[in-house]
């Protein structure tokens, strides 16, 4: 066997330093170069309402499907640490929401909850993922809970990290506005966003510092990784976050609290609701919202803020793994 031969089988070699291996042939050991299989995900895309939306696929296609759905102003690669663990037992797919990451922006600026739910429904339908388990954060959790209520037979299990939307107190405050006031506010807010120029950072380091300021629980390594995947370089050499500014505007039209509670009550699968003890988000067990689900458990993590899957990674993965049956 000549030196430098590339081999794919691992059944008959022993790892050696420098990317080499020792191959046994005819009683003689030969050094050979080993080609490693990539450990990261592959980039794919699907189409929803004429938008090309991006997702990453972590392989293991014969395993039960699992979608990881990120929150607002995030991107699909913020799940990489979670995916690395769960990919052993699941076929993990992590999409970029419309207007986020490497997915297309909505030309009309439509980032309504209905549009997001449609995109999720299209991904599951087109890739034939049902019944699928979902782990989702914040905005992604809100989308997933609505989807599971509308299509209960297609979801096997659901984990929502602070994904229940505004707290009852916030909803009550919004309810004081008339329909006309809500519409005027939305028009004013959207018009302001139309004139807003995405912030430009002179360097990756400057964007990295902003990421660290957003979540003090992140390690420097986590913050840098999220930054590298979360920015794109502008023509002048500066950097801007990938998300569309229009996602900051919330539609003045949505389900009433009673309609939303009925939708949650229609979910058939087991649900795990996750909260961070140091987060601004309201705990659904304490504010009563958990009572609207048929089969639910609430877990609150100490020493964690809004991004529990980053702040308490190992404990979060262990808890989710047990829930999903990994």
C-alpha atoms as a PDB file:
ATOM      1  CA  UNK A   1       0.000   0.000   0.000  1.00  0.00           C
ATOM      2  CA  UNK A   2       1.695   3.244  -1.083  1.00  0.00           C
ATOM      3  CA  UNK A   3       2.260   6.056   1.372  1.00  0.00           C
ATOM      4  CA  UNK A   4      -0.318   8.830   1.123  1.00  0.00           C
ATOM      5  CA  UNK A   5      -3.200   6.616   0.022  1.00  0.00           C
ATOM      6  CA  UNK A   6      -6.553   8.074   1.105  1.00  0.00           C
ATOM      7  CA  UNK A   7      -8.803   5.667   2.956  1.00  0.00           C
ATOM      8  CA  UNK A   8     -12.390   6.028   4.132  1.00  0.00           C
ATOM      9  CA  UNK A   9     -12.733   2.916   6.297  1.00  0.00           C
ATOM     10  CA  UNK A  10     -11.789   3.100   9.957  1.00  0.00           C
ATOM     11  CA  UNK A  11     -12.002  -0.661  10.630  1.00  0.00           C
ATOM     12  CA  UNK A  12      -8.338  -1.377  10.132  1.00  0.00           C
ATOM     13  CA  UNK A  13      -6.320   1.647  11.060  1.00  0.00           C
ATOM     14  CA  UNK A  14      -4.984   3.259  14.226  1.00  0.00           C
ATOM     15  CA  UNK A  15      -4.836   7.056  14.624  1.00  0.00           C
ATOM     16  CA  UNK A  16      -1.416   8.607  14.491  1.00  0.00           C
ATOM     17  CA  UNK A  17      -0.152  12.157  14.866  1.00  0.00           C
ATOM     18  CA  UNK A  18      -0.184  14.731  12.094  1.00  0.00           C
ATOM     19  CA  UNK A  19      -3.339  13.526  10.368  1.00  0.00           C
ATOM     20  CA  UNK A  20      -1.779  10.146   9.585  1.00  0.00           C
ATOM     21  CA  UNK A  21      -2.730   6.597  10.476  1.00  0.00           C
ATOM     22  CA  UNK A  22      -0.937   3.264  10.572  1.00  0.00           C
ATOM     23  CA  UNK A  23      -2.495   0.704   8.221  1.00  0.00           C
ATOM     24  CA  UNK A  24      -1.796  -2.985   8.674  1.00  0.00           C
ATOM     25  CA  UNK A  25      -1.366  -4.906   5.424  1.00  0.00           C
ATOM     26  CA  UNK A  26       0.418  -8.235   5.046  1.00  0.00           C
ATOM     27  CA  UNK A  27       1.812  -7.967   8.518  1.00  0.00           C
ATOM     28  CA  UNK A  28       3.471  -4.619   7.723  1.00  0.00           C
ATOM     29  CA  UNK A  29       2.412  -1.209   9.061  1.00  0.00           C
ATOM     30  CA  UNK A  30       2.187   1.604   6.497  1.00  0.00           C
ATOM     31  CA  UNK A  31       1.574   5.309   7.168  1.00  0.00           C
ATOM     32  CA  UNK A  32      -1.480   6.585   5.288  1.00  0.00           C
ATOM     33  CA  UNK A  33      -3.273   9.925   5.148  1.00  0.00           C
ATOM     34  CA  UNK A  34      -6.763   9.945   6.674  1.00  0.00           C
ATOM     35  CA  UNK A  35      -9.644  11.978   5.253  1.00  0.00           C
ATOM     36  CA  UNK A  36     -11.959  13.095   8.040  1.00  0.00           C
ATOM     37  CA  UNK A  37     -15.705  13.384   7.429  1.00  0.00           C
ATOM     38  CA  UNK A  38     -16.939  16.960   8.065  1.00  0.00           C
ATOM     39  CA  UNK A  39     -18.443  17.436  11.511  1.00  0.00           C
ATOM     40  CA  UNK A  40     -20.484  20.551  10.755  1.00  0.00           C
ATOM     41  CA  UNK A  41     -23.878  20.884   9.060  1.00  0.00           C
ATOM     42  CA  UNK A  42     -24.671  21.319   5.379  1.00  0.00           C
ATOM     43  CA  UNK A  43     -26.486  24.422   4.113  1.00  0.00           C
ATOM     44  CA  UNK A  44     -29.811  23.863   2.349  1.00  0.00           C
ATOM     45  CA  UNK A  45     -32.787  25.984   1.364  1.00  0.00           C
ATOM     46  CA  UNK A  46     -36.523  25.813   0.718  1.00  0.00           C
ATOM     47  CA  UNK A  47     -39.064  28.222  -0.760  1.00  0.00           C
ATOM     48  CA  UNK A  48     -41.965  29.791   1.121  1.00  0.00           C
ATOM     49  CA  UNK A  49     -44.106  32.598  -0.327  1.00  0.00           C
ATOM     50  CA  UNK A  50     -41.471  33.086  -3.042  1.00  0.00           C
ATOM     51  CA  UNK A  51     -38.760  33.583  -0.420  1.00  0.00           C
ATOM     52  CA  UNK A  52     -35.719  31.346  -0.431  1.00  0.00           C
ATOM     53  CA  UNK A  53     -35.156  30.435   3.190  1.00  0.00           C
ATOM     54  CA  UNK A  54     -31.980  28.888   4.522  1.00  0.00           C
ATOM     55  CA  UNK A  55     -31.515  26.006   6.939  1.00  0.00           C
ATOM     56  CA  UNK A  56     -28.687  23.787   8.090  1.00  0.00           C
ATOM     57  CA  UNK A  57     -28.975  20.005   8.166  1.00  0.00           C
ATOM     58  CA  UNK A  58     -26.892  18.100  10.707  1.00  0.00           C
ATOM     59  CA  UNK A  59     -27.269  14.724   9.019  1.00  0.00           C
ATOM     60  CA  UNK A  60     -28.396  11.399  10.499  1.00  0.00           C
ATOM     61  CA  UNK A  61     -31.431  11.344   8.150  1.00  0.00           C
ATOM     62  CA  UNK A  62     -32.791   7.978   9.346  1.00  0.00           C
ATOM     63  CA  UNK A  63     -33.191   9.262  12.925  1.00  0.00           C
ATOM     64  CA  UNK A  64     -36.347  10.994  14.214  1.00  0.00           C
ATOM     65  CA  UNK A  65     -36.547  14.581  12.892  1.00  0.00           C
ATOM     66  CA  UNK A  66     -35.903  17.527  15.212  1.00  0.00           C
ATOM     67  CA  UNK A  67     -36.230  21.223  14.317  1.00  0.00           C
ATOM     68  CA  UNK A  68     -34.285  23.859  16.257  1.00  0.00           C
ATOM     69  CA  UNK A  69     -35.935  27.256  15.785  1.00  0.00           C
ATOM     70  CA  UNK A  70     -34.116  30.428  16.861  1.00  0.00           C
ATOM     71  CA  UNK A  71     -35.475  33.676  18.286  1.00  0.00           C
ATOM     72  CA  UNK A  72     -35.734  37.220  16.987  1.00  0.00           C
ATOM     73  CA  UNK A  73     -32.533  38.815  15.628  1.00  0.00           C
ATOM     74  CA  UNK A  74     -30.731  35.483  16.042  1.00  0.00           C
ATOM     75  CA  UNK A  75     -29.714  32.912  13.443  1.00  0.00           C
ATOM     76  CA  UNK A  76     -29.682  29.162  13.002  1.00  0.00           C
ATOM     77  CA  UNK A  77     -26.032  28.737  14.010  1.00  0.00           C
ATOM     78  CA  UNK A  78     -26.770  29.799  17.593  1.00  0.00           C
ATOM     79  CA  UNK A  79     -27.973  26.179  18.053  1.00  0.00           C
ATOM     80  CA  UNK A  80     -24.650  24.618  17.041  1.00  0.00           C
ATOM     81  CA  UNK A  81     -23.655  23.562  20.562  1.00  0.00           C
ATOM     82  CA  UNK A  82     -27.059  21.978  21.169  1.00  0.00           C
ATOM     83  CA  UNK A  83     -27.108  20.361  17.723  1.00  0.00           C
ATOM     84  CA  UNK A  84     -23.681  18.790  18.200  1.00  0.00           C
ATOM     85  CA  UNK A  85     -25.092  16.773  21.082  1.00  0.00           C
ATOM     86  CA  UNK A  86     -28.608  15.991  19.819  1.00  0.00           C
ATOM     87  CA  UNK A  87     -27.464  15.008  16.307  1.00  0.00           C
ATOM     88  CA  UNK A  88     -26.450  11.596  17.653  1.00  0.00           C
ATOM     89  CA  UNK A  89     -30.092  10.683  18.289  1.00  0.00           C
ATOM     90  CA  UNK A  90     -31.993  12.955  15.900  1.00  0.00           C
ATOM     91  CA  UNK A  91     -32.015  14.278  12.363  1.00  0.00           C
ATOM     92  CA  UNK A  92     -31.458  17.909  13.341  1.00  0.00           C
ATOM     93  CA  UNK A  93     -32.573  20.743  11.074  1.00  0.00           C
ATOM     94  CA  UNK A  94     -32.112  24.385  12.096  1.00  0.00           C
ATOM     95  CA  UNK A  95     -33.713  27.020   9.840  1.00  0.00           C
ATOM     96  CA  UNK A  96     -33.065  30.735   9.586  1.00  0.00           C
ATOM     97  CA  UNK A  97     -36.378  32.561   9.953  1.00  0.00           C
ATOM     98  CA  UNK A  98     -37.331  34.901   7.123  1.00  0.00           C
ATOM     99  CA  UNK A  99     -35.359  38.128   7.452  1.00  0.00           C
ATOM    100  CA  UNK A 100     -32.739  36.421   9.632  1.00  0.00           C
ATOM    101  CA  UNK A 101     -29.362  34.816   9.088  1.00  0.00           C
ATOM    102  CA  UNK A 102     -28.910  33.681   5.495  1.00  0.00           C
ATOM    103  CA  UNK A 103     -32.632  33.623   4.654  1.00  0.00           C
ATOM    104  CA  UNK A 104     -34.177  36.160   2.288  1.00  0.00           C
ATOM    105  CA  UNK A 105     -35.737  39.387   3.488  1.00  0.00           C
ATOM    106  CA  UNK A 106     -39.459  39.818   2.916  1.00  0.00           C
ATOM    107  CA  UNK A 107     -39.803  42.451   0.128  1.00  0.00           C
ATOM    108  CA  UNK A 108     -43.018  43.709   1.713  1.00  0.00           C
ATOM    109  CA  UNK A 109     -41.574  43.696   5.226  1.00  0.00           C
ATOM    110  CA  UNK A 110     -44.116  41.047   6.264  1.00  0.00           C
ATOM    111  CA  UNK A 111     -42.882  39.549   9.515  1.00  0.00           C
ATOM    112  CA  UNK A 112     -46.252  38.763  11.003  1.00  0.00           C
ATOM    113  CA  UNK A 113     -46.708  35.698  13.196  1.00  0.00           C
ATOM    114  CA  UNK A 114     -48.914  34.185  10.494  1.00  0.00           C
ATOM    115  CA  UNK A 115     -46.091  34.495   7.942  1.00  0.00           C
ATOM    116  CA  UNK A 116     -43.599  32.839  10.284  1.00  0.00           C
ATOM    117  CA  UNK A 117     -46.017  29.991  11.029  1.00  0.00           C
ATOM    118  CA  UNK A 118     -46.539  29.476   7.302  1.00  0.00           C
ATOM    119  CA  UNK A 119     -42.775  29.201   6.755  1.00  0.00           C
ATOM    120  CA  UNK A 120     -42.485  26.555   9.473  1.00  0.00           C
ATOM    121  CA  UNK A 121     -45.446  24.664   8.020  1.00  0.00           C
ATOM    122  CA  UNK A 122     -43.811  24.748   4.580  1.00  0.00           C
ATOM    123  CA  UNK A 123     -40.488  23.415   5.881  1.00  0.00           C
ATOM    124  CA  UNK A 124     -42.187  20.514   7.646  1.00  0.00           C
ATOM    125  CA  UNK A 125     -44.445  19.810   4.655  1.00  0.00           C
ATOM    126  CA  UNK A 126     -41.785  20.036   1.953  1.00  0.00           C
ATOM    127  CA  UNK A 127     -39.179  17.990   3.812  1.00  0.00           C
ATOM    128  CA  UNK A 128     -41.789  15.456   5.026  1.00  0.00           C
ATOM    129  CA  UNK A 129     -40.686  15.839   8.642  1.00  0.00           C
ATOM    130  CA  UNK A 130     -43.988  15.134  10.433  1.00  0.00           C
ATOM    131  CA  UNK A 131     -44.310  13.990  13.105  1.00  0.00           C
ATOM    132  CA  UNK A 132     -41.440  16.224  14.214  1.00  0.00           C
ATOM    133  CA  UNK A 133     -40.089  17.342  17.569  1.00  0.00           C
ATOM    134  CA  UNK A 134     -39.263  21.036  17.974  1.00  0.00           C
ATOM    135  CA  UNK A 135     -36.948  22.921  20.315  1.00  0.00           C
ATOM    136  CA  UNK A 136     -37.495  26.656  19.962  1.00  0.00           C
ATOM    137  CA  UNK A 137     -36.412  29.904  21.599  1.00  0.00           C
ATOM    138  CA  UNK A 138     -38.310  33.172  22.142  1.00  0.00           C
ATOM    139  CA  UNK A 139     -39.889  34.220  18.826  1.00  0.00           C
ATOM    140  CA  UNK A 140     -39.262  30.693  17.559  1.00  0.00           C
ATOM    141  CA  UNK A 141     -41.125  29.311  20.559  1.00  0.00           C
ATOM    142  CA  UNK A 142     -44.099  31.590  19.911  1.00  0.00           C
ATOM    143  CA  UNK A 143     -44.192  30.431  16.293  1.00  0.00           C
ATOM    144  CA  UNK A 144     -43.876  26.762  17.246  1.00  0.00           C
ATOM    145  CA  UNK A 145     -46.636  26.854  19.865  1.00  0.00           C
ATOM    146  CA  UNK A 146     -49.003  28.412  17.333  1.00  0.00           C
ATOM    147  CA  UNK A 147     -48.034  25.884  14.677  1.00  0.00           C
ATOM    148  CA  UNK A 148     -48.502  22.952  17.081  1.00  0.00           C
ATOM    149  CA  UNK A 149     -51.947  24.247  18.025  1.00  0.00           C
ATOM    150  CA  UNK A 150     -52.997  24.513  14.380  1.00  0.00           C
ATOM    151  CA  UNK A 151     -51.427  21.203  13.291  1.00  0.00           C
ATOM    152  CA  UNK A 152     -51.402  19.065  16.446  1.00  0.00           C
ATOM    153  CA  UNK A 153     -50.950  15.747  14.621  1.00  0.00           C
ATOM    154  CA  UNK A 154     -47.628  16.836  13.108  1.00  0.00           C
ATOM    155  CA  UNK A 155     -45.685  17.576  16.321  1.00  0.00           C
ATOM    156  CA  UNK A 156     -44.320  14.797  18.536  1.00  0.00           C
ATOM    157  CA  UNK A 157     -42.804  16.880  21.361  1.00  0.00           C
ATOM    158  CA  UNK A 158     -42.155  20.581  21.860  1.00  0.00           C
ATOM    159  CA  UNK A 159     -39.666  22.551  23.962  1.00  0.00           C
ATOM    160  CA  UNK A 160     -40.241  26.319  24.150  1.00  0.00           C
ATOM    161  CA  UNK A 161     -37.607  28.519  25.802  1.00  0.00           C
ATOM    162  CA  UNK A 162     -39.375  31.701  26.903  1.00  0.00           C
ATOM    163  CA  UNK A 163     -41.510  31.460  23.785  1.00  0.00           C
ATOM    164  CA  UNK A 164     -44.959  32.453  24.972  1.00  0.00           C
ATOM    165  CA  UNK A 165     -44.868  36.029  23.762  1.00  0.00           C
ATOM    166  CA  UNK A 166     -45.771  39.084  25.851  1.00  0.00           C
ATOM    167  CA  UNK A 167     -46.670  38.494  29.494  1.00  0.00           C
ATOM    168  CA  UNK A 168     -50.289  38.903  30.662  1.00  0.00           C
ATOM    169  CA  UNK A 169     -49.351  42.291  32.115  1.00  0.00           C
ATOM    170  CA  UNK A 170     -47.937  43.480  28.779  1.00  0.00           C
ATOM    171  CA  UNK A 171     -50.987  42.196  26.906  1.00  0.00           C
ATOM    172  CA  UNK A 172     -53.292  44.015  29.318  1.00  0.00           C
ATOM    173  CA  UNK A 173     -51.358  47.239  28.744  1.00  0.00           C
ATOM    174  CA  UNK A 174     -51.603  46.848  24.972  1.00  0.00           C
ATOM    175  CA  UNK A 175     -55.306  46.144  25.328  1.00  0.00           C
ATOM    176  CA  UNK A 176     -55.837  49.690  26.563  1.00  0.00           C
ATOM    177  CA  UNK A 177     -55.147  50.980  23.056  1.00  0.00           C
ATOM    178  CA  UNK A 178     -57.950  51.141  20.535  1.00  0.00           C
ATOM    179  CA  UNK A 179     -57.634  49.453  17.144  1.00  0.00           C
ATOM    180  CA  UNK A 180     -57.053  52.851  15.545  1.00  0.00           C
ATOM    181  CA  UNK A 181     -54.285  53.685  18.012  1.00  0.00           C
ATOM    182  CA  UNK A 182     -52.570  50.345  17.410  1.00  0.00           C
ATOM    183  CA  UNK A 183     -52.727  50.866  13.651  1.00  0.00           C
ATOM    184  CA  UNK A 184     -51.369  54.418  13.843  1.00  0.00           C
ATOM    185  CA  UNK A 185     -48.533  53.288  16.097  1.00  0.00           C
ATOM    186  CA  UNK A 186     -47.617  50.475  13.696  1.00  0.00           C
ATOM    187  CA  UNK A 187     -47.579  52.837  10.690  1.00  0.00           C
ATOM    188  CA  UNK A 188     -45.410  55.325  12.584  1.00  0.00           C
ATOM    189  CA  UNK A 189     -43.017  52.617  13.786  1.00  0.00           C
ATOM    190  CA  UNK A 190     -42.696  50.990  10.362  1.00  0.00           C
ATOM    191  CA  UNK A 191     -42.134  54.334   8.666  1.00  0.00           C
ATOM    192  CA  UNK A 192     -39.314  55.040  11.105  1.00  0.00           C
ATOM    193  CA  UNK A 193     -37.736  51.662  10.350  1.00  0.00           C
ATOM    194  CA  UNK A 194     -37.878  52.429   6.624  1.00  0.00           C
ATOM    195  CA  UNK A 195     -35.484  55.307   7.221  1.00  0.00           C
ATOM    196  CA  UNK A 196     -33.279  53.458   9.645  1.00  0.00           C
ATOM    197  CA  UNK A 197     -29.837  52.521   8.333  1.00  0.00           C
ATOM    198  CA  UNK A 198     -28.444  49.226   9.711  1.00  0.00           C
ATOM    199  CA  UNK A 199     -25.696  49.919  12.199  1.00  0.00           C
ATOM    200  CA  UNK A 200     -22.196  49.446  10.827  1.00  0.00           C
ATOM    201  CA  UNK A 201     -19.302  48.172  12.905  1.00  0.00           C
ATOM    202  CA  UNK A 202     -15.773  49.043  11.918  1.00  0.00           C
ATOM    203  CA  UNK A 203     -14.505  45.563  12.766  1.00  0.00           C
ATOM    204  CA  UNK A 204     -15.511  42.108  13.939  1.00  0.00           C
ATOM    205  CA  UNK A 205     -14.111  43.062  17.344  1.00  0.00           C
ATOM    206  CA  UNK A 206     -16.551  45.951  17.630  1.00  0.00           C
ATOM    207  CA  UNK A 207     -19.508  43.710  16.759  1.00  0.00           C
ATOM    208  CA  UNK A 208     -18.168  41.089  19.163  1.00  0.00           C
ATOM    209  CA  UNK A 209     -18.187  43.646  21.986  1.00  0.00           C
ATOM    210  CA  UNK A 210     -21.841  44.427  21.205  1.00  0.00           C
ATOM    211  CA  UNK A 211     -22.697  40.733  21.360  1.00  0.00           C
ATOM    212  CA  UNK A 212     -21.027  40.430  24.764  1.00  0.00           C
ATOM    213  CA  UNK A 213     -22.955  43.438  26.043  1.00  0.00           C
ATOM    214  CA  UNK A 214     -26.258  41.868  24.932  1.00  0.00           C
ATOM    215  CA  UNK A 215     -25.760  38.741  27.048  1.00  0.00           C
ATOM    216  CA  UNK A 216     -23.278  38.862  29.897  1.00  0.00           C
ATOM    217  CA  UNK A 217     -23.692  35.107  30.494  1.00  0.00           C
ATOM    218  CA  UNK A 218     -21.894  34.272  27.247  1.00  0.00           C
ATOM    219  CA  UNK A 219     -18.297  33.132  27.366  1.00  0.00           C
ATOM    220  CA  UNK A 220     -15.948  35.075  25.078  1.00  0.00           C
ATOM    221  CA  UNK A 221     -15.746  32.002  22.845  1.00  0.00           C
ATOM    222  CA  UNK A 222     -19.534  31.780  22.534  1.00  0.00           C
ATOM    223  CA  UNK A 223     -19.908  35.491  21.843  1.00  0.00           C
ATOM    224  CA  UNK A 224     -17.251  35.459  19.145  1.00  0.00           C
ATOM    225  CA  UNK A 225     -18.753  32.406  17.445  1.00  0.00           C
ATOM    226  CA  UNK A 226     -22.246  33.918  17.419  1.00  0.00           C
ATOM    227  CA  UNK A 227     -20.847  37.176  16.071  1.00  0.00           C
ATOM    228  CA  UNK A 228     -18.951  35.527  13.220  1.00  0.00           C
ATOM    229  CA  UNK A 229     -22.104  33.762  12.055  1.00  0.00           C
ATOM    230  CA  UNK A 230     -24.361  36.738  12.762  1.00  0.00           C
ATOM    231  CA  UNK A 231     -22.737  39.478  10.678  1.00  0.00           C
ATOM    232  CA  UNK A 232     -22.078  40.095   7.003  1.00  0.00           C
ATOM    233  CA  UNK A 233     -19.460  42.424   5.569  1.00  0.00           C
ATOM    234  CA  UNK A 234     -20.560  45.530   3.730  1.00  0.00           C
ATOM    235  CA  UNK A 235     -18.962  46.822   0.545  1.00  0.00           C
ATOM    236  CA  UNK A 236     -17.020  49.467   2.461  1.00  0.00           C
ATOM    237  CA  UNK A 237     -15.468  46.808   4.713  1.00  0.00           C
ATOM    238  CA  UNK A 238     -17.660  47.426   7.748  1.00  0.00           C
ATOM    239  CA  UNK A 239     -19.931  44.792   9.292  1.00  0.00           C
ATOM    240  CA  UNK A 240     -23.679  44.722   9.991  1.00  0.00           C
ATOM    241  CA  UNK A 241     -25.973  42.186  11.613  1.00  0.00           C
ATOM    242  CA  UNK A 242     -27.702  39.950   9.099  1.00  0.00           C
ATOM    243  CA  UNK A 243     -31.284  40.438  10.308  1.00  0.00           C
ATOM    244  CA  UNK A 244     -33.721  42.807   8.571  1.00  0.00           C
ATOM    245  CA  UNK A 245     -34.559  45.960  10.532  1.00  0.00           C
ATOM    246  CA  UNK A 246     -38.247  45.480   9.693  1.00  0.00           C
ATOM    247  CA  UNK A 247     -38.472  42.504  12.063  1.00  0.00           C
ATOM    248  CA  UNK A 248     -38.533  45.030  14.931  1.00  0.00           C
ATOM    249  CA  UNK A 249     -42.078  46.056  13.986  1.00  0.00           C
ATOM    250  CA  UNK A 250     -44.967  44.057  15.484  1.00  0.00           C
ATOM    251  CA  UNK A 251     -48.238  43.705  13.595  1.00  0.00           C
ATOM    252  CA  UNK A 252     -51.194  45.617  15.056  1.00  0.00           C
ATOM    253  CA  UNK A 253     -53.411  42.620  14.213  1.00  0.00           C
ATOM    254  CA  UNK A 254     -53.148  39.300  16.039  1.00  0.00           C
ATOM    255  CA  UNK A 255     -55.147  36.691  17.935  1.00  0.00           C
ATOM    256  CA  UNK A 256     -56.938  37.824  21.049  1.00  0.00           C
ATOM    257  CA  UNK A 257     -55.673  36.303  24.335  1.00  0.00           C
ATOM    258  CA  UNK A 258     -58.724  34.027  24.378  1.00  0.00           C
ATOM    259  CA  UNK A 259     -58.027  32.789  20.843  1.00  0.00           C
ATOM    260  CA  UNK A 260     -54.367  32.205  21.645  1.00  0.00           C
ATOM    261  CA  UNK A 261     -55.248  30.254  24.796  1.00  0.00           C
ATOM    262  CA  UNK A 262     -57.629  28.088  22.772  1.00  0.00           C
ATOM    263  CA  UNK A 263     -54.846  27.462  20.232  1.00  0.00           C
ATOM    264  CA  UNK A 264     -52.460  26.371  23.006  1.00  0.00           C
ATOM    265  CA  UNK A 265     -55.160  24.101  24.404  1.00  0.00           C
ATOM    266  CA  UNK A 266     -55.382  22.359  21.045  1.00  0.00           C
ATOM    267  CA  UNK A 267     -51.767  21.127  21.245  1.00  0.00           C
ATOM    268  CA  UNK A 268     -51.743  17.342  21.609  1.00  0.00           C
ATOM    269  CA  UNK A 269     -48.056  16.621  22.281  1.00  0.00           C
ATOM    270  CA  UNK A 270     -46.080  16.879  25.546  1.00  0.00           C
ATOM    271  CA  UNK A 271     -44.615  20.355  26.103  1.00  0.00           C
ATOM    272  CA  UNK A 272     -41.595  21.507  28.097  1.00  0.00           C
ATOM    273  CA  UNK A 273     -41.593  25.236  28.890  1.00  0.00           C
ATOM    274  CA  UNK A 274     -38.162  26.567  29.868  1.00  0.00           C
ATOM    275  CA  UNK A 275     -37.380  29.840  31.647  1.00  0.00           C
ATOM    276  CA  UNK A 276     -34.282  31.574  32.961  1.00  0.00           C
ATOM    277  CA  UNK A 277     -34.512  32.801  36.548  1.00  0.00           C
ATOM    278  CA  UNK A 278     -32.601  35.992  35.656  1.00  0.00           C
ATOM    279  CA  UNK A 279     -34.613  36.779  32.527  1.00  0.00           C
ATOM    280  CA  UNK A 280     -37.135  39.542  31.949  1.00  0.00           C
ATOM    281  CA  UNK A 281     -39.611  36.971  30.639  1.00  0.00           C
ATOM    282  CA  UNK A 282     -42.576  36.013  32.807  1.00  0.00           C
ATOM    283  CA  UNK A 283     -42.637  32.462  34.198  1.00  0.00           C
ATOM    284  CA  UNK A 284     -45.725  30.736  32.671  1.00  0.00           C
ATOM    285  CA  UNK A 285     -46.288  28.615  35.757  1.00  0.00           C
ATOM    286  CA  UNK A 286     -46.386  31.661  38.021  1.00  0.00           C
ATOM    287  CA  UNK A 287     -48.501  33.870  35.746  1.00  0.00           C
ATOM    288  CA  UNK A 288     -51.021  31.112  34.971  1.00  0.00           C
ATOM    289  CA  UNK A 289     -50.386  30.647  31.245  1.00  0.00           C
ATOM    290  CA  UNK A 290     -49.133  27.066  31.666  1.00  0.00           C
ATOM    291  CA  UNK A 291     -52.655  26.063  32.701  1.00  0.00           C
ATOM    292  CA  UNK A 292     -53.836  26.439  29.099  1.00  0.00           C
ATOM    293  CA  UNK A 293     -51.865  23.367  27.952  1.00  0.00           C
ATOM    294  CA  UNK A 294     -52.984  19.764  28.233  1.00  0.00           C
ATOM    295  CA  UNK A 295     -49.602  18.121  28.877  1.00  0.00           C
ATOM    296  CA  UNK A 296     -46.994  20.578  30.127  1.00  0.00           C
ATOM    297  CA  UNK A 297     -44.031  20.825  32.468  1.00  0.00           C
ATOM    298  CA  UNK A 298     -42.243  24.054  33.382  1.00  0.00           C
ATOM    299  CA  UNK A 299     -38.536  24.165  34.245  1.00  0.00           C
ATOM    300  CA  UNK A 300     -36.725  27.288  35.455  1.00  0.00           C
ATOM    301  CA  UNK A 301     -32.929  27.418  35.332  1.00  0.00           C
ATOM    302  CA  UNK A 302     -31.022  29.389  37.928  1.00  0.00           C
ATOM    303  CA  UNK A 303     -28.070  31.507  36.769  1.00  0.00           C
ATOM    304  CA  UNK A 304     -29.654  31.916  33.337  1.00  0.00           C
ATOM    305  CA  UNK A 305     -31.197  34.773  31.435  1.00  0.00           C
ATOM    306  CA  UNK A 306     -33.263  34.787  28.248  1.00  0.00           C
ATOM    307  CA  UNK A 307     -30.872  32.513  26.312  1.00  0.00           C
ATOM    308  CA  UNK A 308     -31.024  29.477  28.601  1.00  0.00           C
ATOM    309  CA  UNK A 309     -29.561  27.192  25.911  1.00  0.00           C
ATOM    310  CA  UNK A 310     -26.400  29.318  25.968  1.00  0.00           C
ATOM    311  CA  UNK A 311     -26.267  30.267  29.635  1.00  0.00           C
ATOM    312  CA  UNK A 312     -26.706  26.731  31.009  1.00  0.00           C
ATOM    313  CA  UNK A 313     -25.769  24.673  27.956  1.00  0.00           C
ATOM    314  CA  UNK A 314     -24.841  21.343  29.551  1.00  0.00           C
ATOM    315  CA  UNK A 315     -27.775  21.299  31.955  1.00  0.00           C
ATOM    316  CA  UNK A 316     -30.170  22.428  29.230  1.00  0.00           C
ATOM    317  CA  UNK A 317     -29.064  19.703  26.815  1.00  0.00           C
ATOM    318  CA  UNK A 318     -29.376  17.074  29.546  1.00  0.00           C
ATOM    319  CA  UNK A 319     -32.901  18.224  30.449  1.00  0.00           C
ATOM    320  CA  UNK A 320     -34.033  18.400  26.832  1.00  0.00           C
ATOM    321  CA  UNK A 321     -32.427  15.054  26.032  1.00  0.00           C
ATOM    322  CA  UNK A 322     -34.404  13.378  28.797  1.00  0.00           C
ATOM    323  CA  UNK A 323     -37.612  15.042  27.662  1.00  0.00           C
ATOM    324  CA  UNK A 324     -37.133  14.049  24.029  1.00  0.00           C
ATOM    325  CA  UNK A 325     -36.036  10.531  24.919  1.00  0.00           C
ATOM    326  CA  UNK A 326     -32.509  10.871  23.536  1.00  0.00           C
END
